């Protein structure tokens, strides 16, 4: 347990081991940078006279903001080392001894990228070393329309170093520091920072922050096997014409559909996460079958065999923010800070019989006859809600799952990544979290909420072609319209 809390022997370098999910995500990222993360926002920056903030000024402002953020949240400046002999990870933090140390860190982590088109996907294809003591996190800024002061600002790195919600929390802080400088509401003096005091905000791993003795939490009691479990694990076909390692498709649902979704969730007493996971399960299954039908032959036959014999649609990782359940260190505002990765991940498995009835696939005709919204809300949603309710969510169960993930790290093999299964994570309702709400059109820094649900589909390009991504986007949109009952909308 002690190894998962920061400590120092010389007062200069602080160390702790990564544990559980954070370590596993970093281990996955060793392979083509999968399970890396890029959190991005688009901002419009104008000075007090309404003049657009140009590149040179922005870089200077961001440099100051990045340094101030490091003092406030020192975990953004961690270094990481991987130990292949036992599959473990060490995080290190160096207390700056002067401006030279700060300059080195900024030079290695603050990146200007000229890419103006598909910059988010470009970021996901970018790779850098993070196994021999390098800084894993990057702050990346890309131009959108410099003459108007429009830029994309991104935090990017291996997923184990920060989670999606934290990426938005950190970007909210950065935007605030930018706004303070542009509007001159607060002077940011990086030379006044007292380096060393920030180490009090270097947080332990999540299992320690539960307040439980992670070494004494008993092993979970194995459930009685009362049903056959045969997950839907369809075969894959290599995409031999890929130009990237990662493929991304951002699916945005308009405000009418988003409002209808929220209204339906209230009417049926369920959550957006449950509904979106249900839609995703249907779209994923439908897309796998449609892709197999196009390929045909032995691949189609093996896909149909997996589809007809499966008892459950299976998601090995459904992710949930865990910080709110911790008794302390649950926020960057806490005197002892919080870990930047505070996510729990557990299995989801829902009945394949319900999925099959919902999509209505004819093996012979290779066609679909989808259900109506009544069946969706009356059968698909209760099954998915039950799937979400099944895993234990108490702190002891979280610690147990973290221990299991740590064991996987110690025996990890890339073959574990060869099963074609989906994973899902929800950042949440950003505006409801109070993030970016004070940056309106009247402020120097403008962040606009569009009231739309955004689904980011991220996949390995080696196994997912552009046409396959087209199909899953089309299927998601179809099932969304079936769910809300507004198919007449364009």
Protein backbone atom coordinates (compact mmCIF):
# COMPACT_ATOMS: atom_id res chain seq x y z
CA UNK A 1 0.00 0.00 0.00
CA UNK A 2 2.85 2.39 0.85
CA UNK A 3 4.25 2.07 -2.67
CA UNK A 4 1.10 3.64 -4.11
CA UNK A 5 1.49 6.90 -2.18
CA UNK A 6 4.06 9.51 -3.20
CA UNK A 7 7.22 9.62 -1.12
CA UNK A 8 10.74 10.99 -1.47
CA UNK A 9 14.15 10.07 -0.16
CA UNK A 10 15.94 13.25 -1.21
CA UNK A 11 13.24 15.94 -1.16
CA UNK A 12 13.71 16.43 -4.90
CA UNK A 13 12.06 13.51 -6.68
CA UNK A 14 8.77 12.01 -5.48
CA UNK A 15 7.71 8.54 -6.57
CA UNK A 16 4.77 6.17 -6.41
CA UNK A 17 3.70 3.11 -8.34
CA UNK A 18 0.70 3.15 -10.63
CA UNK A 19 -1.95 0.65 -9.66
CA UNK A 20 -4.93 -1.09 -11.18
CA UNK A 21 -6.83 0.58 -14.00
CA UNK A 22 -4.39 3.48 -14.41
CA UNK A 23 -1.51 1.02 -14.83
CA UNK A 24 -3.51 -1.21 -17.18
CA UNK A 25 -4.45 1.73 -19.43
CA UNK A 26 -0.79 2.70 -19.70
CA UNK A 27 0.09 -0.91 -20.52
CA UNK A 28 -2.49 -0.96 -23.31
CA UNK A 29 -1.04 2.32 -24.60
CA UNK A 30 2.29 0.55 -25.13
CA UNK A 31 0.70 -1.04 -28.20
CA UNK A 32 0.11 1.51 -30.97
CA UNK A 33 -0.88 4.08 -28.33
CA UNK A 34 -4.29 2.46 -28.00
CA UNK A 35 -6.16 3.59 -24.90
CA UNK A 36 -4.51 6.95 -25.23
CA UNK A 37 -6.73 9.96 -24.67
CA UNK A 38 -7.12 13.41 -26.19
CA UNK A 39 -9.49 15.85 -24.53
CA UNK A 40 -10.09 18.98 -26.60
CA UNK A 41 -11.97 22.26 -26.56
CA UNK A 42 -12.35 24.97 -29.17
CA UNK A 43 -11.90 28.52 -27.90
CA UNK A 44 -12.18 31.99 -29.35
CA UNK A 45 -9.77 34.44 -27.75
CA UNK A 46 -10.12 38.23 -27.97
CA UNK A 47 -8.45 41.03 -26.04
CA UNK A 48 -10.25 43.89 -24.29
CA UNK A 49 -10.61 45.75 -27.58
CA UNK A 50 -12.15 42.73 -29.29
CA UNK A 51 -9.00 42.02 -31.28
CA UNK A 52 -8.22 38.36 -31.94
CA UNK A 53 -5.35 36.88 -29.94
CA UNK A 54 -2.72 35.76 -32.43
CA UNK A 55 -0.34 32.81 -32.35
CA UNK A 56 2.71 34.37 -30.69
CA UNK A 57 0.63 35.93 -27.93
CA UNK A 58 -1.31 32.73 -27.36
CA UNK A 59 1.85 30.64 -26.98
CA UNK A 60 3.14 33.07 -24.36
CA UNK A 61 -0.19 33.07 -22.51
CA UNK A 62 -0.44 29.28 -22.63
CA UNK A 63 3.10 28.91 -21.34
CA UNK A 64 2.20 30.93 -18.26
CA UNK A 65 -1.13 29.11 -17.82
CA UNK A 66 0.57 25.71 -18.16
CA UNK A 67 3.15 26.58 -15.48
CA UNK A 68 0.48 27.92 -13.12
CA UNK A 69 -1.55 24.73 -13.66
CA UNK A 70 1.51 22.62 -12.82
CA UNK A 71 1.85 24.39 -9.48
CA UNK A 72 -1.86 23.92 -8.77
CA UNK A 73 -2.06 20.33 -10.13
CA UNK A 74 1.48 18.92 -10.13
CA UNK A 75 0.38 15.58 -11.57
CA UNK A 76 0.33 17.16 -15.05
CA UNK A 77 4.14 17.10 -14.84
CA UNK A 78 4.64 13.48 -13.81
CA UNK A 79 7.19 11.32 -15.59
CA UNK A 80 6.63 7.59 -16.05
CA UNK A 81 8.85 4.53 -16.16
CA UNK A 82 7.79 1.05 -17.24
CA UNK A 83 9.35 -2.08 -15.75
CA UNK A 84 8.82 -4.94 -18.24
CA UNK A 85 10.24 -7.55 -15.89
CA UNK A 86 7.13 -7.39 -13.70
CA UNK A 87 4.79 -5.20 -15.78
CA UNK A 88 4.77 -2.38 -13.22
CA UNK A 89 4.81 1.40 -13.65
CA UNK A 90 6.43 4.15 -11.59
CA UNK A 91 5.30 7.78 -11.64
CA UNK A 92 7.89 10.41 -10.72
CA UNK A 93 7.63 14.10 -9.92
CA UNK A 94 10.68 16.39 -9.87
CA UNK A 95 10.53 19.57 -7.81
CA UNK A 96 11.84 22.39 -10.04
CA UNK A 97 15.03 23.97 -8.70
CA UNK A 98 14.85 26.96 -11.00
CA UNK A 99 13.56 28.39 -14.25
CA UNK A 100 15.74 26.06 -16.33
CA UNK A 101 13.83 23.02 -15.04
CA UNK A 102 10.53 24.69 -15.87
CA UNK A 103 11.76 25.65 -19.35
CA UNK A 104 12.79 22.07 -20.09
CA UNK A 105 9.38 20.75 -19.04
CA UNK A 106 7.49 23.37 -21.06
CA UNK A 107 9.65 22.79 -24.15
CA UNK A 108 8.91 19.06 -24.01
CA UNK A 109 5.18 19.24 -23.28
CA UNK A 110 3.70 22.41 -24.84
CA UNK A 111 3.23 21.73 -28.55
CA UNK A 112 2.08 24.00 -31.37
CA UNK A 113 0.66 21.95 -34.23
CA UNK A 114 -0.06 23.52 -37.59
CA UNK A 115 -2.64 20.87 -38.49
CA UNK A 116 -5.93 22.60 -39.20
CA UNK A 117 -8.03 19.69 -40.46
CA UNK A 118 -8.84 16.55 -38.48
CA UNK A 119 -6.40 17.71 -35.82
CA UNK A 120 -8.10 15.58 -33.16
CA UNK A 121 -7.59 12.41 -35.17
CA UNK A 122 -4.05 13.52 -35.95
CA UNK A 123 -3.37 13.88 -32.24
CA UNK A 124 -4.59 10.34 -31.65
CA UNK A 125 -2.13 9.03 -34.23
CA UNK A 126 0.75 10.95 -32.68
CA UNK A 127 2.99 8.87 -30.41
CA UNK A 128 5.78 9.64 -28.02
CA UNK A 129 7.87 7.74 -25.51
CA UNK A 130 6.60 7.47 -21.95
CA UNK A 131 8.37 4.38 -20.60
CA UNK A 132 11.85 5.62 -19.68
CA UNK A 133 11.14 8.63 -17.51
CA UNK A 134 9.58 10.91 -20.15
CA UNK A 135 6.65 13.27 -19.58
CA UNK A 136 3.55 11.42 -20.85
CA UNK A 137 1.15 14.41 -21.02
CA UNK A 138 1.15 16.98 -23.82
CA UNK A 139 -0.66 20.31 -24.07
CA UNK A 140 -1.32 20.77 -27.78
CA UNK A 141 -2.67 23.88 -29.48
CA UNK A 142 -3.82 23.91 -33.10
CA UNK A 143 -5.12 26.80 -35.20
CA UNK A 144 -8.67 26.78 -36.52
CA UNK A 145 -8.99 30.39 -37.70
CA UNK A 146 -6.15 32.52 -36.38
CA UNK A 147 -7.53 35.79 -37.74
CA UNK A 148 -10.63 35.26 -35.58
CA UNK A 149 -8.69 34.00 -32.56
CA UNK A 150 -10.10 30.49 -32.85
CA UNK A 151 -7.96 27.59 -31.65
CA UNK A 152 -8.26 24.00 -30.50
CA UNK A 153 -6.55 23.28 -27.19
CA UNK A 154 -5.98 19.64 -26.29
CA UNK A 155 -4.56 17.54 -23.49
CA UNK A 156 -3.20 14.28 -24.82
CA UNK A 157 -1.39 11.25 -23.45
CA UNK A 158 -1.72 7.65 -22.28
CA UNK A 159 -5.17 7.18 -20.75
CA UNK A 160 -3.77 5.95 -17.44
CA UNK A 161 -2.40 9.41 -16.71
CA UNK A 162 -5.79 11.16 -16.81
CA UNK A 163 -9.41 10.38 -17.59
CA UNK A 164 -11.96 12.08 -19.81
CA UNK A 165 -13.73 14.06 -17.11
CA UNK A 166 -10.41 15.23 -15.67
CA UNK A 167 -9.30 16.38 -19.12
CA UNK A 168 -12.26 18.77 -19.12
CA UNK A 169 -11.56 19.87 -15.53
CA UNK A 170 -7.95 20.67 -16.39
CA UNK A 171 -8.89 22.45 -19.61
CA UNK A 172 -11.42 24.49 -17.63
CA UNK A 173 -8.57 25.60 -15.35
CA UNK A 174 -6.35 26.45 -18.32
CA UNK A 175 -9.09 28.46 -19.98
CA UNK A 176 -9.55 30.35 -16.72
CA UNK A 177 -5.85 31.20 -16.56
CA UNK A 178 -5.95 32.35 -20.19
CA UNK A 179 -8.98 34.51 -19.51
CA UNK A 180 -7.34 36.07 -16.44
CA UNK A 181 -4.36 37.13 -18.53
CA UNK A 182 -6.30 38.39 -21.54
CA UNK A 183 -8.88 40.32 -19.54
CA UNK A 184 -6.29 41.37 -16.93
CA UNK A 185 -8.65 40.30 -14.12
CA UNK A 186 -5.82 38.60 -12.26
CA UNK A 187 -2.06 38.85 -12.62
CA UNK A 188 -0.34 35.49 -12.99
CA UNK A 189 3.25 35.70 -11.81
CA UNK A 190 5.02 32.38 -12.34
CA UNK A 191 8.17 33.72 -10.69
CA UNK A 192 6.27 33.97 -7.40
CA UNK A 193 5.48 30.24 -7.30
CA UNK A 194 7.02 28.49 -4.32
CA UNK A 195 8.14 25.23 -5.84
CA UNK A 196 8.09 22.32 -3.46
CA UNK A 197 4.83 23.20 -1.73
CA UNK A 198 2.90 21.73 -4.69
CA UNK A 199 4.07 18.23 -3.70
CA UNK A 200 1.39 18.23 -0.97
CA UNK A 201 -1.09 17.91 -3.85
CA UNK A 202 0.46 14.74 -5.31
CA UNK A 203 -2.31 12.23 -4.67
CA UNK A 204 -2.15 8.50 -4.04
CA UNK A 205 -3.70 5.96 -6.37
CA UNK A 206 -7.49 5.62 -6.30
CA UNK A 207 -7.59 2.44 -4.22
CA UNK A 208 -5.73 4.26 -1.43
CA UNK A 209 -8.01 7.30 -1.65
CA UNK A 210 -11.00 5.12 -0.77
CA UNK A 211 -9.75 5.20 2.81
CA UNK A 212 -9.71 1.40 2.92
CA UNK A 213 -6.65 -0.70 3.61
CA UNK A 214 -6.32 -2.00 0.07
CA UNK A 215 -4.17 -4.91 1.24
CA UNK A 216 -6.79 -6.19 3.68
CA UNK A 217 -9.89 -5.95 1.49
CA UNK A 218 -10.94 -9.60 1.05
CA UNK A 219 -11.21 -11.30 -2.31
CA UNK A 220 -14.73 -11.18 -3.76
CA UNK A 221 -16.96 -14.18 -3.28
CA UNK A 222 -17.32 -15.96 -6.60
CA UNK A 223 -20.98 -15.90 -7.74
CA UNK A 224 -22.80 -19.14 -8.36
CA UNK A 225 -22.84 -20.01 -12.04
CA UNK A 226 -26.57 -20.15 -12.71
CA UNK A 227 -26.50 -19.49 -16.44
CA UNK A 228 -24.32 -20.19 -19.45
CA UNK A 229 -22.15 -17.28 -20.50
CA UNK A 230 -21.13 -17.21 -24.16
CA UNK A 231 -20.18 -13.63 -25.13
CA UNK A 232 -20.60 -12.26 -28.63
CA UNK A 233 -17.01 -12.19 -29.89
CA UNK A 234 -17.15 -11.70 -33.66
CA UNK A 235 -14.11 -12.38 -35.86
CA UNK A 236 -12.08 -9.53 -37.33
CA UNK A 237 -10.79 -8.74 -40.81
CA UNK A 238 -7.64 -6.70 -41.25
CA UNK A 239 -7.99 -3.31 -42.93
CA UNK A 240 -4.96 -3.46 -45.25
CA UNK A 241 -5.38 0.02 -46.75
CA UNK A 242 -5.24 2.03 -43.55
CA UNK A 243 -3.31 5.29 -43.46
CA UNK A 244 -3.55 5.82 -39.69
CA UNK A 245 -3.20 3.67 -36.59
CA UNK A 246 -6.36 5.03 -35.04
CA UNK A 247 -9.66 5.93 -36.65
CA UNK A 248 -12.12 8.35 -35.10
CA UNK A 249 -15.69 9.23 -35.93
CA UNK A 250 -17.42 12.03 -34.02
CA UNK A 251 -21.19 11.54 -34.10
CA UNK A 252 -23.13 14.63 -33.05
CA UNK A 253 -26.87 14.50 -32.42
CA UNK A 254 -28.72 17.78 -32.91
CA UNK A 255 -30.34 19.68 -30.06
CA UNK A 256 -33.85 18.42 -30.93
CA UNK A 257 -32.77 14.80 -30.65
CA UNK A 258 -30.69 15.50 -27.54
CA UNK A 259 -33.63 17.20 -25.85
CA UNK A 260 -35.90 14.31 -26.86
CA UNK A 261 -33.41 11.84 -25.38
CA UNK A 262 -33.36 13.64 -22.03
CA UNK A 263 -37.15 13.85 -22.00
CA UNK A 264 -37.47 10.13 -22.73
CA UNK A 265 -34.97 9.31 -19.98
CA UNK A 266 -37.04 11.27 -17.47
CA UNK A 267 -40.25 9.59 -18.62
CA UNK A 268 -38.74 6.11 -18.25
CA UNK A 269 -36.75 6.86 -15.07
CA UNK A 270 -33.40 5.90 -16.52
CA UNK A 271 -30.09 7.58 -17.32
CA UNK A 272 -28.56 8.85 -20.54
CA UNK A 273 -25.65 6.44 -20.02
CA UNK A 274 -27.94 3.39 -19.90
CA UNK A 275 -29.80 4.50 -23.03
CA UNK A 276 -26.68 5.34 -25.03
CA UNK A 277 -25.10 2.01 -24.06
CA UNK A 278 -28.26 0.24 -25.24
CA UNK A 279 -28.18 2.09 -28.56
CA UNK A 280 -24.49 1.29 -28.89
CA UNK A 281 -25.10 -2.42 -28.23
CA UNK A 282 -27.69 -2.56 -31.01
CA UNK A 283 -25.61 -0.49 -33.43
CA UNK A 284 -22.46 -2.49 -32.71
CA UNK A 285 -24.19 -5.83 -33.30
CA UNK A 286 -25.96 -4.59 -36.41
CA UNK A 287 -22.74 -3.15 -37.85
CA UNK A 288 -20.79 -6.36 -37.25
CA UNK A 289 -23.46 -8.31 -39.15
CA UNK A 290 -23.68 -5.76 -41.97
CA UNK A 291 -19.90 -5.75 -42.41
CA UNK A 292 -19.81 -9.55 -42.44
CA UNK A 293 -22.59 -9.66 -45.04
CA UNK A 294 -20.54 -7.43 -47.34
CA UNK A 295 -17.43 -9.60 -46.95
CA UNK A 296 -19.39 -12.86 -47.24
CA UNK A 297 -17.93 -16.35 -47.47
CA UNK A 298 -16.29 -18.00 -44.48
CA UNK A 299 -16.13 -14.73 -42.57
CA UNK A 300 -19.90 -14.30 -42.78
CA UNK A 301 -20.45 -17.90 -41.70
CA UNK A 302 -18.18 -17.58 -38.66
CA UNK A 303 -19.78 -14.26 -37.70
CA UNK A 304 -23.26 -15.78 -37.88
CA UNK A 305 -22.11 -18.70 -35.77
CA UNK A 306 -20.82 -16.31 -33.10
CA UNK A 307 -24.02 -14.27 -33.33
CA UNK A 308 -26.46 -17.17 -33.04
CA UNK A 309 -24.58 -19.00 -30.28
CA UNK A 310 -23.88 -15.98 -28.08
CA UNK A 311 -25.86 -15.69 -24.87
CA UNK A 312 -24.71 -12.17 -24.01
CA UNK A 313 -23.59 -8.97 -25.67
CA UNK A 314 -20.43 -8.22 -23.76
CA UNK A 315 -18.55 -5.05 -22.88
CA UNK A 316 -15.38 -5.78 -20.86
CA UNK A 317 -15.01 -2.21 -19.64
CA UNK A 318 -17.82 0.16 -18.79
CA UNK A 319 -16.24 3.14 -17.09
CA UNK A 320 -17.53 5.22 -14.19
CA UNK A 321 -16.03 8.20 -12.39
CA UNK A 322 -15.16 7.04 -8.88
CA UNK A 323 -13.98 10.27 -7.24
CA UNK A 324 -17.33 11.30 -5.79
CA UNK A 325 -17.32 8.21 -3.57
CA UNK A 326 -13.91 8.89 -2.02
CA UNK A 327 -14.01 10.38 1.50
CA UNK A 328 -11.21 12.84 0.68
CA UNK A 329 -8.95 13.93 -2.17
CA UNK A 330 -11.88 13.77 -4.56
CA UNK A 331 -11.17 17.07 -6.32
CA UNK A 332 -8.25 19.16 -7.53
CA UNK A 333 -9.52 21.74 -5.02
CA UNK A 334 -8.69 19.43 -2.10
CA UNK A 335 -5.57 20.49 -0.13
CA UNK A 336 -4.06 17.09 -0.95
CA UNK A 337 -5.22 17.16 -4.56
CA UNK A 338 -6.62 14.14 -6.35
CA UNK A 339 -5.41 11.57 -8.83
CA UNK A 340 -5.96 12.54 -12.46
CA UNK A 341 -7.25 9.03 -13.22
CA UNK A 342 -10.23 8.26 -11.01
CA UNK A 343 -12.19 5.78 -13.09
CA UNK A 344 -13.61 2.38 -12.23
CA UNK A 345 -14.11 -0.16 -15.00
CA UNK A 346 -16.38 -3.20 -14.84
CA UNK A 347 -18.05 -5.75 -17.11
CA UNK A 348 -21.40 -5.16 -18.77
CA UNK A 349 -23.29 -8.11 -20.18
CA UNK A 350 -26.82 -7.94 -21.49
CA UNK A 351 -29.03 -10.66 -22.97
CA UNK A 352 -28.28 -11.49 -26.57
CA UNK A 353 -31.81 -12.81 -27.10
CA UNK A 354 -33.14 -9.29 -26.57
CA UNK A 355 -30.53 -7.85 -28.94
CA UNK A 356 -31.47 -10.38 -31.62
CA UNK A 357 -35.18 -9.61 -31.28
CA UNK A 358 -34.51 -5.88 -31.43
CA UNK A 359 -32.43 -5.82 -34.62
CA UNK A 360 -34.49 -8.50 -36.40
CA UNK A 361 -31.69 -9.81 -38.59
CA UNK A 362 -32.50 -12.36 -41.30
CA UNK A 363 -29.51 -14.64 -41.84
CA UNK A 364 -30.77 -15.75 -45.26
CA UNK A 365 -31.86 -12.36 -46.58
CA UNK A 366 -29.04 -10.49 -44.83
CA UNK A 367 -31.52 -7.78 -43.90
CA UNK A 368 -32.80 -6.12 -40.73
CA UNK A 369 -36.29 -5.54 -39.37
CA UNK A 370 -35.69 -3.29 -36.36
CA UNK A 371 -38.04 -3.13 -33.41
CA UNK A 372 -40.19 -0.14 -32.56
CA UNK A 373 -39.63 2.27 -29.69
CA UNK A 374 -42.08 0.34 -27.49
CA UNK A 375 -39.90 -2.78 -27.57
CA UNK A 376 -36.78 -0.66 -27.12
CA UNK A 377 -38.06 0.97 -23.94
CA UNK A 378 -39.94 -2.08 -22.70
CA UNK A 379 -37.27 -4.74 -23.24
CA UNK A 380 -33.88 -3.40 -24.35
CA UNK A 381 -33.64 -0.69 -21.70
CA UNK A 382 -34.65 -2.89 -18.72
CA UNK A 383 -32.01 -5.43 -19.77
CA UNK A 384 -29.31 -2.77 -20.08
CA UNK A 385 -30.36 -1.15 -16.80
CA UNK A 386 -30.05 -4.56 -15.12
CA UNK A 387 -26.60 -4.97 -16.67
CA UNK A 388 -25.51 -1.65 -15.19
CA UNK A 389 -26.98 -2.51 -11.79
CA UNK A 390 -25.38 -5.96 -11.57
CA UNK A 391 -21.75 -5.06 -10.69
CA UNK A 392 -21.14 -4.05 -7.09
CA UNK A 393 -20.30 -0.35 -6.85
CA UNK A 394 -19.14 -0.10 -3.21
CA UNK A 395 -15.58 0.94 -2.38
CA UNK A 396 -14.48 -2.59 -1.47
CA UNK A 397 -15.63 -3.88 -4.87
CA UNK A 398 -13.74 -1.04 -6.56
CA UNK A 399 -10.56 -1.97 -4.68
CA UNK A 400 -11.04 -5.61 -5.66
CA UNK A 401 -11.39 -4.70 -9.33
CA UNK A 402 -8.30 -2.52 -9.11
CA UNK A 403 -6.39 -5.48 -7.70
CA UNK A 404 -7.59 -7.70 -10.55
CA UNK A 405 -6.44 -5.15 -13.14
CA UNK A 406 -3.05 -4.93 -11.46
CA UNK A 407 -2.70 -8.71 -11.79
CA UNK A 408 -3.47 -8.43 -15.52
CA UNK A 409 -0.62 -5.93 -15.90
CA UNK A 410 1.79 -8.43 -14.40
CA UNK A 411 0.88 -11.09 -16.96
CA UNK A 412 -0.17 -8.89 -19.87
CA UNK A 413 0.18 -10.21 -23.40
CA UNK A 414 -0.85 -8.33 -26.59
CA UNK A 415 -3.11 -11.24 -27.54
CA UNK A 416 -5.52 -9.89 -24.91
CA UNK A 417 -6.21 -7.05 -27.34
CA UNK A 418 -7.21 -9.28 -30.24
CA UNK A 419 -10.83 -9.84 -29.22
CA UNK A 420 -13.05 -7.39 -31.03
CA UNK A 421 -15.12 -6.06 -28.16
CA UNK A 422 -16.41 -2.56 -27.38
CA UNK A 423 -15.64 -0.43 -24.35
CA UNK A 424 -17.48 2.71 -23.32
CA UNK A 425 -17.00 5.71 -21.08
CA UNK A 426 -19.16 8.76 -20.44
CA UNK A 427 -17.58 12.07 -19.43
CA UNK A 428 -20.98 13.30 -18.32
CA UNK A 429 -23.00 16.47 -18.73
CA UNK A 430 -20.19 19.04 -18.93
CA UNK A 431 -22.36 22.11 -18.40
CA UNK A 432 -24.05 20.38 -15.47
CA UNK A 433 -20.62 19.92 -13.89
CA UNK A 434 -20.18 23.68 -13.93
CA UNK A 435 -17.28 23.60 -16.37
CA UNK A 436 -16.68 26.51 -18.78
CA UNK A 437 -20.00 28.12 -17.78
CA UNK A 438 -18.48 31.54 -17.02
CA UNK A 439 -16.82 31.87 -20.41
CA UNK A 440 -19.53 33.41 -22.56
CA UNK A 441 -19.58 35.72 -25.55
CA UNK A 442 -19.03 38.66 -23.19
CA UNK A 443 -15.74 37.32 -21.83
CA UNK A 444 -12.29 37.44 -23.40
CA UNK A 445 -12.37 33.66 -23.71
CA UNK A 446 -15.46 32.28 -25.43
CA UNK A 447 -16.53 28.64 -25.00
CA UNK A 448 -19.94 27.84 -26.46
CA UNK A 449 -22.21 24.97 -25.44
CA UNK A 450 -24.31 23.73 -28.32
CA UNK A 451 -26.72 21.55 -26.33
CA UNK A 452 -25.89 18.48 -28.40
CA UNK A 453 -24.97 14.93 -27.44
CA UNK A 454 -21.54 13.98 -28.79
CA UNK A 455 -20.46 10.37 -29.23
CA UNK A 456 -16.83 9.77 -30.12
CA UNK A 457 -16.22 6.43 -31.83
CA UNK A 458 -12.57 5.49 -31.52
CA UNK A 459 -11.14 2.29 -32.97
CA UNK A 460 -7.96 0.62 -34.19
CA UNK A 461 -7.68 1.38 -37.91
CA UNK A 462 -6.01 -1.99 -38.44
CA UNK A 463 -9.38 -3.68 -37.94
CA UNK A 464 -11.86 -0.94 -38.87
CA UNK A 465 -12.10 0.54 -42.36
CA UNK A 466 -13.74 3.89 -43.19
CA UNK A 467 -16.74 2.07 -44.66
CA UNK A 468 -17.18 0.15 -41.40
CA UNK A 469 -17.08 3.41 -39.45
CA UNK A 470 -19.69 4.80 -41.86
CA UNK A 471 -21.96 1.86 -41.08
CA UNK A 472 -21.73 2.15 -37.32
CA UNK A 473 -22.40 5.89 -37.48
CA UNK A 474 -25.43 5.25 -39.70
CA UNK A 475 -26.65 2.53 -37.35
CA UNK A 476 -26.21 4.73 -34.28
CA UNK A 477 -28.27 7.46 -35.90
CA UNK A 478 -30.98 4.99 -36.92
CA UNK A 479 -31.31 3.54 -33.43
CA UNK A 480 -31.25 6.97 -31.86
CA UNK A 481 -34.24 7.98 -33.97
CA UNK A 482 -36.07 4.75 -33.16
CA UNK A 483 -35.40 5.34 -29.47
CA UNK A 484 -36.73 8.90 -29.35
CA UNK A 485 -39.51 8.26 -31.84
CA UNK A 486 -38.66 11.21 -34.07
CA UNK A 487 -37.66 9.43 -37.27
CA UNK A 488 -39.34 12.18 -39.25
CA UNK A 489 -36.59 14.63 -38.34
CA UNK A 490 -33.95 15.16 -41.04
